[in-house]
Amino acid sequence: MPIRSLAGAIALTALVVACGGKQEQPEETPPATPALTPGDTNDLVRVRFARGSTSGIVNDSLQEGESRGYLLGAARGQVMLVHAITWAPRPGTATPAPATVQVFSLDDGSELKSPAAQESLWSGRLPASGDYVVRVSASAPLSYTLAMQIPRRLNPGAAGPTASIVGAAPSRAPVDYIVQGDEGQTLAAMVSERDRATLHIYGLDRGDQIAPLAERRKEWSGKLPSTQDYIVSVVPVDEGANYELTVTVR
């Protein structure tokens, strides 16, 4: 503020006080309220990975307006992906609306945002070692499979440009892999016809949808838009589906 304006403001304040007027005090901004009570583990279901596994799977259900929390321990810098896949309650009936997934730090109660910005999928890097709360909410009655994963990293280029993996889906939720790619490189991914499964490919840090889930592709090839880690998901139709995934980065 210029010196002349500052002097005028001081004089005006002195005049208001001298006339018996009440000087308005600036409103204080209230401190941000944590989205979750820090350290509160009441009613949370602890999820543990089986030895040698990279995921924890829970089958559950909710009524309209309900939510349920799950507790998972992980390490700083790890990539975590959480899928909540809803299913029709009976064959031939409509699949209910998607469940909403949120992730919170138990330490301070803050919500962790996901670049993917999809209500039934959360993905991101964890900022600290400790416990995290995964909360699933329902806008209508639904049954769901919740998969919490610390996905395996594929390394095309270590022994050639292509990495291949043969596996079986432990549930009806996607099985995820991480691939690092540079801007302008070509990524090609293909899932075999051994069982009904499709691909979902997106950027971990920016959320770029390379092969959107709704397109149900068996293969995709193209240039990468930016340098980052990419998630390559195998999306099975049925639990126990066998698949062969091939990923090439050049």
C-alpha atoms as a PDB file:
ATOM      1  CA  MET A   1       0.000   0.000   0.000  1.00  0.00           C
ATOM      2  CA  PRO A   2       1.415   3.496  -0.850  1.00  0.00           C
ATOM      3  CA  ILE A   3       2.495   5.559   2.194  1.00  0.00           C
ATOM      4  CA  ARG A   4      -0.186   8.230   1.622  1.00  0.00           C
ATOM      5  CA  SER A   5      -2.984   5.608   1.479  1.00  0.00           C
ATOM      6  CA  LEU A   6      -1.679   3.914   4.611  1.00  0.00           C
ATOM      7  CA  ALA A   7      -1.705   7.201   6.518  1.00  0.00           C
ATOM      8  CA  GLY A   8      -5.294   7.842   5.406  1.00  0.00           C
ATOM      9  CA  ALA A   9      -6.393   4.422   6.579  1.00  0.00           C
ATOM     10  CA  ILE A  10      -4.821   5.018  10.020  1.00  0.00           C
ATOM     11  CA  ALA A  11      -6.560   8.381  10.345  1.00  0.00           C
ATOM     12  CA  LEU A  12      -9.937   6.916   9.384  1.00  0.00           C
ATOM     13  CA  THR A  13      -9.552   4.162  12.001  1.00  0.00           C
ATOM     14  CA  ALA A  14      -8.713   6.721  14.676  1.00  0.00           C
ATOM     15  CA  LEU A  15     -11.815   8.764  13.738  1.00  0.00           C
ATOM     16  CA  VAL A  16     -14.129   5.722  14.031  1.00  0.00           C
ATOM     17  CA  VAL A  17     -12.771   4.852  17.460  1.00  0.00           C
ATOM     18  CA  ALA A  18     -13.040   8.472  18.647  1.00  0.00           C
ATOM     19  CA  CYS A  19     -16.691   8.640  17.584  1.00  0.00           C
ATOM     20  CA  GLY A  20     -17.525   5.571  19.623  1.00  0.00           C
ATOM     21  CA  GLY A  21     -17.947   3.386  16.551  1.00  0.00           C
ATOM     22  CA  LYS A  22     -16.996  -0.253  16.706  1.00  0.00           C
ATOM     23  CA  GLN A  23     -14.199  -1.322  14.426  1.00  0.00           C
ATOM     24  CA  GLU A  24     -15.019  -4.512  12.580  1.00  0.00           C
ATOM     25  CA  GLN A  25     -12.661  -7.396  13.182  1.00  0.00           C
ATOM     26  CA  PRO A  26     -11.755  -9.589  10.246  1.00  0.00           C
ATOM     27  CA  GLU A  27     -13.432 -12.980  10.307  1.00  0.00           C
ATOM     28  CA  GLU A  28     -11.140 -15.807  11.265  1.00  0.00           C
ATOM     29  CA  THR A  29     -10.930 -18.721   8.866  1.00  0.00           C
ATOM     30  CA  PRO A  30     -11.801 -21.872  10.797  1.00  0.00           C
ATOM     31  CA  PRO A  31      -9.203 -24.628  10.656  1.00  0.00           C
ATOM     32  CA  ALA A  32      -9.855 -27.360   8.111  1.00  0.00           C
ATOM     33  CA  THR A  33     -11.805 -30.257   9.578  1.00  0.00           C
ATOM     34  CA  PRO A  34     -10.338 -33.688   8.805  1.00  0.00           C
ATOM     35  CA  ALA A  35     -12.593 -35.818   6.615  1.00  0.00           C
ATOM     36  CA  LEU A  36     -11.992 -38.706   9.021  1.00  0.00           C
ATOM     37  CA  THR A  37     -11.374 -38.701  12.779  1.00  0.00           C
ATOM     38  CA  PRO A  38      -7.614 -39.314  13.088  1.00  0.00           C
ATOM     39  CA  GLY A  39      -6.737 -42.618  14.720  1.00  0.00           C
ATOM     40  CA  ASP A  40     -10.354 -43.828  14.914  1.00  0.00           C
ATOM     41  CA  THR A  41     -10.406 -47.498  13.942  1.00  0.00           C
ATOM     42  CA  ASN A  42     -13.873 -48.313  15.334  1.00  0.00           C
ATOM     43  CA  ASP A  43     -15.949 -50.414  12.924  1.00  0.00           C
ATOM     44  CA  LEU A  44     -13.073 -50.674  10.426  1.00  0.00           C
ATOM     45  CA  VAL A  45     -12.320 -54.046   8.845  1.00  0.00           C
ATOM     46  CA  ARG A  46      -8.567 -54.822   8.738  1.00  0.00           C
ATOM     47  CA  VAL A  47      -7.490 -56.228   5.351  1.00  0.00           C
ATOM     48  CA  ARG A  48      -4.265 -58.221   5.019  1.00  0.00           C
ATOM     49  CA  PHE A  49      -2.612 -59.601   1.917  1.00  0.00           C
ATOM     50  CA  ALA A  50      -2.017 -63.343   1.787  1.00  0.00           C
ATOM     51  CA  ARG A  51       1.672 -64.304   1.694  1.00  0.00           C
ATOM     52  CA  GLY A  52       3.043 -63.806  -1.809  1.00  0.00           C
ATOM     53  CA  SER A  53      -0.054 -61.900  -2.945  1.00  0.00           C
ATOM     54  CA  THR A  54      -0.203 -58.278  -4.124  1.00  0.00           C
ATOM     55  CA  SER A  55      -3.885 -57.758  -3.297  1.00  0.00           C
ATOM     56  CA  GLY A  56      -6.541 -58.059  -0.640  1.00  0.00           C
ATOM     57  CA  ILE A  57     -10.042 -59.061  -1.776  1.00  0.00           C
ATOM     58  CA  VAL A  58     -13.307 -58.480   0.126  1.00  0.00           C
ATOM     59  CA  ASN A  59     -16.841 -59.397  -0.982  1.00  0.00           C
ATOM     60  CA  ASP A  60     -19.450 -57.268   0.762  1.00  0.00           C
ATOM     61  CA  SER A  61     -22.784 -55.463   0.389  1.00  0.00           C
ATOM     62  CA  LEU A  62     -24.358 -52.164   1.448  1.00  0.00           C
ATOM     63  CA  GLN A  63     -27.822 -50.689   1.704  1.00  0.00           C
ATOM     64  CA  GLU A  64     -28.796 -47.298   0.291  1.00  0.00           C
ATOM     65  CA  GLY A  65     -26.904 -44.495   2.043  1.00  0.00           C
ATOM     66  CA  GLU A  66     -24.581 -46.858   3.931  1.00  0.00           C
ATOM     67  CA  SER A  67     -20.793 -46.846   3.910  1.00  0.00           C
ATOM     68  CA  ARG A  68     -18.121 -49.186   5.256  1.00  0.00           C
ATOM     69  CA  GLY A  69     -14.465 -48.634   6.063  1.00  0.00           C
ATOM     70  CA  TYR A  70     -11.494 -50.953   5.586  1.00  0.00           C
ATOM     71  CA  LEU A  71      -8.039 -50.571   7.130  1.00  0.00           C
ATOM     72  CA  LEU A  72      -4.865 -51.333   5.194  1.00  0.00           C
ATOM     73  CA  GLY A  73      -1.211 -50.817   6.115  1.00  0.00           C
ATOM     74  CA  ALA A  74       1.224 -49.724   3.390  1.00  0.00           C
ATOM     75  CA  ALA A  75       4.611 -48.043   2.924  1.00  0.00           C
ATOM     76  CA  ARG A  76       5.578 -44.587   1.734  1.00  0.00           C
ATOM     77  CA  GLY A  77       5.983 -44.325  -2.032  1.00  0.00           C
ATOM     78  CA  GLN A  78       4.038 -47.493  -2.771  1.00  0.00           C
ATOM     79  CA  VAL A  79       1.405 -47.323  -5.488  1.00  0.00           C
ATOM     80  CA  MET A  80      -2.032 -48.413  -4.300  1.00  0.00           C
ATOM     81  CA  LEU A  81      -5.093 -49.136  -6.416  1.00  0.00           C
ATOM     82  CA  VAL A  82      -8.575 -49.741  -5.056  1.00  0.00           C
ATOM     83  CA  HIS A  83     -11.443 -51.080  -7.182  1.00  0.00           C
ATOM     84  CA  ALA A  84     -15.045 -51.510  -6.025  1.00  0.00           C
ATOM     85  CA  ILE A  85     -16.835 -53.605  -8.638  1.00  0.00           C
ATOM     86  CA  THR A  86     -20.624 -53.843  -8.237  1.00  0.00           C
ATOM     87  CA  TRP A  87     -22.620 -56.831  -9.398  1.00  0.00           C
ATOM     88  CA  ALA A  88     -26.219 -57.581 -10.269  1.00  0.00           C
ATOM     89  CA  PRO A  89     -27.932 -59.150  -7.224  1.00  0.00           C
ATOM     90  CA  ARG A  90     -29.438 -61.900  -9.393  1.00  0.00           C
ATOM     91  CA  PRO A  91     -28.737 -63.121 -12.956  1.00  0.00           C
ATOM     92  CA  GLY A  92     -30.724 -61.129 -15.474  1.00  0.00           C
ATOM     93  CA  THR A  93     -31.214 -58.108 -13.196  1.00  0.00           C
ATOM     94  CA  ALA A  94     -29.698 -54.693 -13.746  1.00  0.00           C
ATOM     95  CA  THR A  95     -26.281 -53.921 -12.252  1.00  0.00           C
ATOM     96  CA  PRO A  96     -26.683 -51.229  -9.540  1.00  0.00           C
ATOM     97  CA  ALA A  97     -25.086 -47.802  -9.630  1.00  0.00           C
ATOM     98  CA  PRO A  98     -21.313 -47.747  -9.010  1.00  0.00           C
ATOM     99  CA  ALA A  99     -20.012 -47.662  -5.463  1.00  0.00           C
ATOM    100  CA  THR A 100     -17.972 -44.638  -4.388  1.00  0.00           C
ATOM    101  CA  VAL A 101     -14.428 -45.229  -3.125  1.00  0.00           C
ATOM    102  CA  GLN A 102     -12.469 -42.796  -0.941  1.00  0.00           C
ATOM    103  CA  VAL A 103      -9.057 -43.176   0.717  1.00  0.00           C
ATOM    104  CA  PHE A 104      -8.004 -41.403   3.926  1.00  0.00           C
ATOM    105  CA  SER A 105      -4.846 -41.195   5.994  1.00  0.00           C
ATOM    106  CA  LEU A 106      -5.577 -42.628   9.436  1.00  0.00           C
ATOM    107  CA  ASP A 107      -2.791 -40.493  10.914  1.00  0.00           C
ATOM    108  CA  ASP A 108      -4.373 -37.073  10.276  1.00  0.00           C
ATOM    109  CA  GLY A 109      -7.804 -37.927   8.816  1.00  0.00           C
ATOM    110  CA  SER A 110      -7.159 -36.180   5.489  1.00  0.00           C
ATOM    111  CA  GLU A 111      -8.588 -37.517   2.234  1.00  0.00           C
ATOM    112  CA  LEU A 112      -6.167 -38.509  -0.517  1.00  0.00           C
ATOM    113  CA  LYS A 113      -7.304 -37.444  -3.961  1.00  0.00           C
ATOM    114  CA  SER A 114      -6.888 -39.631  -7.033  1.00  0.00           C
ATOM    115  CA  PRO A 115      -5.844 -38.345 -10.473  1.00  0.00           C
ATOM    116  CA  ALA A 116      -8.020 -41.042 -12.070  1.00  0.00           C
ATOM    117  CA  ALA A 117     -11.166 -39.216 -10.851  1.00  0.00           C
ATOM    118  CA  GLN A 118     -13.471 -42.232 -11.143  1.00  0.00           C
ATOM    119  CA  GLU A 119     -15.917 -42.889  -8.326  1.00  0.00           C
ATOM    120  CA  SER A 120     -15.397 -46.660  -8.148  1.00  0.00           C
ATOM    121  CA  LEU A 121     -11.611 -46.569  -8.662  1.00  0.00           C
ATOM    122  CA  TRP A 122      -8.887 -44.924  -6.571  1.00  0.00           C
ATOM    123  CA  SER A 123      -5.231 -44.920  -7.609  1.00  0.00           C
ATOM    124  CA  GLY A 124      -2.217 -43.023  -6.343  1.00  0.00           C
ATOM    125  CA  ARG A 125       1.139 -42.963  -4.560  1.00  0.00           C
ATOM    126  CA  LEU A 126       1.064 -43.132  -0.784  1.00  0.00           C
ATOM    127  CA  PRO A 127       2.710 -40.157   0.979  1.00  0.00           C
ATOM    128  CA  ALA A 128       3.780 -41.935   4.184  1.00  0.00           C
ATOM    129  CA  SER A 129       4.107 -45.333   5.813  1.00  0.00           C
ATOM    130  CA  GLY A 130       1.192 -46.319   8.024  1.00  0.00           C
ATOM    131  CA  ASP A 131      -2.474 -47.248   7.972  1.00  0.00           C
ATOM    132  CA  TYR A 132      -4.945 -46.021   5.382  1.00  0.00           C
ATOM    133  CA  VAL A 133      -8.732 -46.173   5.445  1.00  0.00           C
ATOM    134  CA  VAL A 134     -10.621 -47.216   2.310  1.00  0.00           C
ATOM    135  CA  ARG A 135     -14.273 -46.172   2.527  1.00  0.00           C
ATOM    136  CA  VAL A 136     -16.946 -47.572   0.193  1.00  0.00           C
ATOM    137  CA  SER A 137     -20.326 -45.779  -0.034  1.00  0.00           C
ATOM    138  CA  ALA A 138     -23.582 -46.751  -1.762  1.00  0.00           C
ATOM    139  CA  SER A 139     -26.324 -44.568  -3.234  1.00  0.00           C
ATOM    140  CA  ALA A 140     -28.503 -47.663  -3.699  1.00  0.00           C
ATOM    141  CA  PRO A 141     -28.461 -51.240  -2.359  1.00  0.00           C
ATOM    142  CA  LEU A 142     -25.525 -53.097  -3.896  1.00  0.00           C
ATOM    143  CA  SER A 143     -23.170 -56.044  -3.633  1.00  0.00           C
ATOM    144  CA  TYR A 144     -19.524 -55.484  -4.521  1.00  0.00           C
ATOM    145  CA  THR A 145     -16.058 -56.964  -4.720  1.00  0.00           C
ATOM    146  CA  LEU A 146     -13.431 -54.652  -3.239  1.00  0.00           C
ATOM    147  CA  ALA A 147      -9.847 -55.202  -4.411  1.00  0.00           C
ATOM    148  CA  MET A 148      -6.993 -53.299  -2.728  1.00  0.00           C
ATOM    149  CA  GLN A 149      -3.750 -53.756  -4.624  1.00  0.00           C
ATOM    150  CA  ILE A 150      -0.083 -52.859  -4.479  1.00  0.00           C
ATOM    151  CA  PRO A 151       0.445 -53.727  -8.144  1.00  0.00           C
ATOM    152  CA  ARG A 152       3.432 -55.501  -9.638  1.00  0.00           C
ATOM    153  CA  ARG A 153       5.797 -53.487 -11.827  1.00  0.00           C
ATOM    154  CA  LEU A 154       6.548 -54.786 -15.314  1.00  0.00           C
ATOM    155  CA  ASN A 155       9.946 -53.921 -16.805  1.00  0.00           C
ATOM    156  CA  PRO A 156       9.913 -54.127 -20.593  1.00  0.00           C
ATOM    157  CA  GLY A 157      13.442 -53.370 -21.760  1.00  0.00           C
ATOM    158  CA  ALA A 158      15.259 -55.331 -19.051  1.00  0.00           C
ATOM    159  CA  ALA A 159      15.661 -58.324 -21.391  1.00  0.00           C
ATOM    160  CA  GLY A 160      13.962 -56.917 -24.488  1.00  0.00           C
ATOM    161  CA  PRO A 161      11.109 -54.497 -25.225  1.00  0.00           C
ATOM    162  CA  THR A 162       8.347 -56.958 -24.307  1.00  0.00           C
ATOM    163  CA  ALA A 163       7.132 -58.305 -20.949  1.00  0.00           C
ATOM    164  CA  SER A 164       4.664 -61.194 -20.773  1.00  0.00           C
ATOM    165  CA  ILE A 165       2.793 -62.595 -17.805  1.00  0.00           C
ATOM    166  CA  VAL A 166       0.372 -65.495 -17.437  1.00  0.00           C
ATOM    167  CA  GLY A 167      -2.031 -65.377 -14.507  1.00  0.00           C
ATOM    168  CA  ALA A 168      -5.477 -66.057 -13.090  1.00  0.00           C
ATOM    169  CA  ALA A 169      -7.769 -63.389 -11.669  1.00  0.00           C
ATOM    170  CA  PRO A 170      -8.345 -64.000  -7.927  1.00  0.00           C
ATOM    171  CA  SER A 171     -11.724 -62.239  -8.096  1.00  0.00           C
ATOM    172  CA  ARG A 172     -13.933 -60.356 -10.508  1.00  0.00           C
ATOM    173  CA  ALA A 173     -11.946 -57.159  -9.842  1.00  0.00           C
ATOM    174  CA  PRO A 174      -9.214 -55.985 -12.267  1.00  0.00           C
ATOM    175  CA  VAL A 175      -5.628 -57.189 -11.901  1.00  0.00           C
ATOM    176  CA  ASP A 176      -3.246 -54.256 -12.244  1.00  0.00           C
ATOM    177  CA  TYR A 177       0.350 -53.797 -13.410  1.00  0.00           C
ATOM    178  CA  ILE A 178       2.619 -50.730 -13.554  1.00  0.00           C
ATOM    179  CA  VAL A 179       4.672 -49.837 -16.634  1.00  0.00           C
ATOM    180  CA  GLN A 180       6.960 -46.816 -16.886  1.00  0.00           C
ATOM    181  CA  GLY A 181       6.817 -44.966 -20.194  1.00  0.00           C
ATOM    182  CA  ASP A 182       8.316 -41.812 -21.704  1.00  0.00           C
ATOM    183  CA  GLU A 183       6.542 -39.191 -23.781  1.00  0.00           C
ATOM    184  CA  GLY A 184       6.526 -40.230 -27.433  1.00  0.00           C
ATOM    185  CA  GLN A 185       7.326 -43.879 -26.782  1.00  0.00           C
ATOM    186  CA  THR A 186       4.972 -46.489 -28.229  1.00  0.00           C
ATOM    187  CA  LEU A 187       3.163 -48.761 -25.784  1.00  0.00           C
ATOM    188  CA  ALA A 188       1.406 -51.870 -27.050  1.00  0.00           C
ATOM    189  CA  ALA A 189      -0.662 -54.126 -24.776  1.00  0.00           C
ATOM    190  CA  MET A 190      -2.661 -57.240 -25.581  1.00  0.00           C
ATOM    191  CA  VAL A 191      -4.640 -59.681 -23.464  1.00  0.00           C
ATOM    192  CA  SER A 192      -5.156 -63.157 -24.907  1.00  0.00           C
ATOM    193  CA  GLU A 193      -8.443 -64.867 -25.724  1.00  0.00           C
ATOM    194  CA  ARG A 194      -7.824 -67.681 -23.209  1.00  0.00           C
ATOM    195  CA  ASP A 195     -10.676 -66.289 -21.115  1.00  0.00           C
ATOM    196  CA  ARG A 196     -12.938 -63.312 -21.438  1.00  0.00           C
ATOM    197  CA  ALA A 197     -10.874 -60.352 -20.226  1.00  0.00           C
ATOM    198  CA  THR A 198     -10.292 -56.829 -21.490  1.00  0.00           C
ATOM    199  CA  LEU A 199      -7.848 -53.939 -20.920  1.00  0.00           C
ATOM    200  CA  HIS A 200      -7.973 -50.653 -19.050  1.00  0.00           C
ATOM    201  CA  ILE A 201      -4.878 -48.428 -19.458  1.00  0.00           C
ATOM    202  CA  TYR A 202      -4.414 -45.015 -17.841  1.00  0.00           C
ATOM    203  CA  GLY A 203      -1.734 -42.680 -16.502  1.00  0.00           C
ATOM    204  CA  LEU A 204      -1.057 -43.014 -12.778  1.00  0.00           C
ATOM    205  CA  ASP A 205       0.074 -39.446 -12.101  1.00  0.00           C
ATOM    206  CA  ARG A 206      -2.131 -37.510 -14.524  1.00  0.00           C
ATOM    207  CA  GLY A 207      -5.076 -39.859 -14.990  1.00  0.00           C
ATOM    208  CA  ASP A 208      -4.853 -39.911 -18.828  1.00  0.00           C
ATOM    209  CA  GLN A 209      -7.332 -42.507 -20.118  1.00  0.00           C
ATOM    210  CA  ILE A 210      -5.342 -44.325 -22.801  1.00  0.00           C
ATOM    211  CA  ALA A 211      -7.670 -47.312 -23.213  1.00  0.00           C
ATOM    212  CA  PRO A 212     -10.862 -46.413 -21.289  1.00  0.00           C
ATOM    213  CA  LEU A 213     -12.572 -49.157 -19.312  1.00  0.00           C
ATOM    214  CA  ALA A 214     -15.852 -48.756 -21.205  1.00  0.00           C
ATOM    215  CA  GLU A 215     -14.224 -49.567 -24.561  1.00  0.00           C
ATOM    216  CA  ARG A 216     -13.473 -53.166 -23.449  1.00  0.00           C
ATOM    217  CA  ARG A 217     -10.437 -53.493 -25.706  1.00  0.00           C
ATOM    218  CA  LYS A 218      -8.446 -56.686 -26.140  1.00  0.00           C
ATOM    219  CA  GLU A 219      -5.441 -54.743 -27.402  1.00  0.00           C
ATOM    220  CA  TRP A 220      -4.173 -51.176 -27.690  1.00  0.00           C
ATOM    221  CA  SER A 221      -1.157 -49.566 -29.315  1.00  0.00           C
ATOM    222  CA  GLY A 222      -0.142 -45.927 -29.551  1.00  0.00           C
ATOM    223  CA  LYS A 223       2.244 -43.162 -28.501  1.00  0.00           C
ATOM    224  CA  LEU A 224       2.305 -42.107 -24.849  1.00  0.00           C
ATOM    225  CA  PRO A 225       1.260 -38.507 -24.120  1.00  0.00           C
ATOM    226  CA  SER A 226       3.689 -37.894 -21.238  1.00  0.00           C
ATOM    227  CA  THR A 227       6.482 -39.374 -19.136  1.00  0.00           C
ATOM    228  CA  GLN A 228       4.961 -41.158 -16.146  1.00  0.00           C
ATOM    229  CA  ASP A 229       3.935 -44.552 -14.801  1.00  0.00           C
ATOM    230  CA  TYR A 230       0.989 -46.169 -16.563  1.00  0.00           C
ATOM    231  CA  ILE A 231      -1.463 -48.690 -15.107  1.00  0.00           C
ATOM    232  CA  VAL A 232      -2.288 -51.651 -17.340  1.00  0.00           C
ATOM    233  CA  SER A 233      -5.346 -53.448 -15.932  1.00  0.00           C
ATOM    234  CA  VAL A 234      -6.623 -56.854 -16.938  1.00  0.00           C
ATOM    235  CA  VAL A 235     -10.398 -56.740 -16.409  1.00  0.00           C
ATOM    236  CA  PRO A 236     -11.828 -60.278 -16.029  1.00  0.00           C
ATOM    237  CA  VAL A 237     -15.434 -61.193 -16.678  1.00  0.00           C
ATOM    238  CA  ASP A 238     -15.424 -64.042 -14.156  1.00  0.00           C
ATOM    239  CA  GLU A 239     -13.545 -64.935 -10.997  1.00  0.00           C
ATOM    240  CA  GLY A 240     -10.638 -67.266 -11.749  1.00  0.00           C
ATOM    241  CA  ALA A 241     -10.373 -66.163 -15.382  1.00  0.00           C
ATOM    242  CA  ASN A 242      -7.044 -67.183 -16.943  1.00  0.00           C
ATOM    243  CA  TYR A 243      -5.215 -64.574 -18.991  1.00  0.00           C
ATOM    244  CA  GLU A 244      -1.950 -63.878 -20.784  1.00  0.00           C
ATOM    245  CA  LEU A 245      -0.878 -60.233 -20.880  1.00  0.00           C
ATOM    246  CA  THR A 246       1.814 -58.927 -23.233  1.00  0.00           C
ATOM    247  CA  VAL A 247       3.172 -55.373 -22.896  1.00  0.00           C
ATOM    248  CA  THR A 248       5.741 -53.779 -25.217  1.00  0.00           C
ATOM    249  CA  VAL A 249       7.378 -50.369 -24.760  1.00  0.00           C
ATOM    250  CA  ARG A 250       9.659 -49.041 -27.532  1.00  0.00           C
END
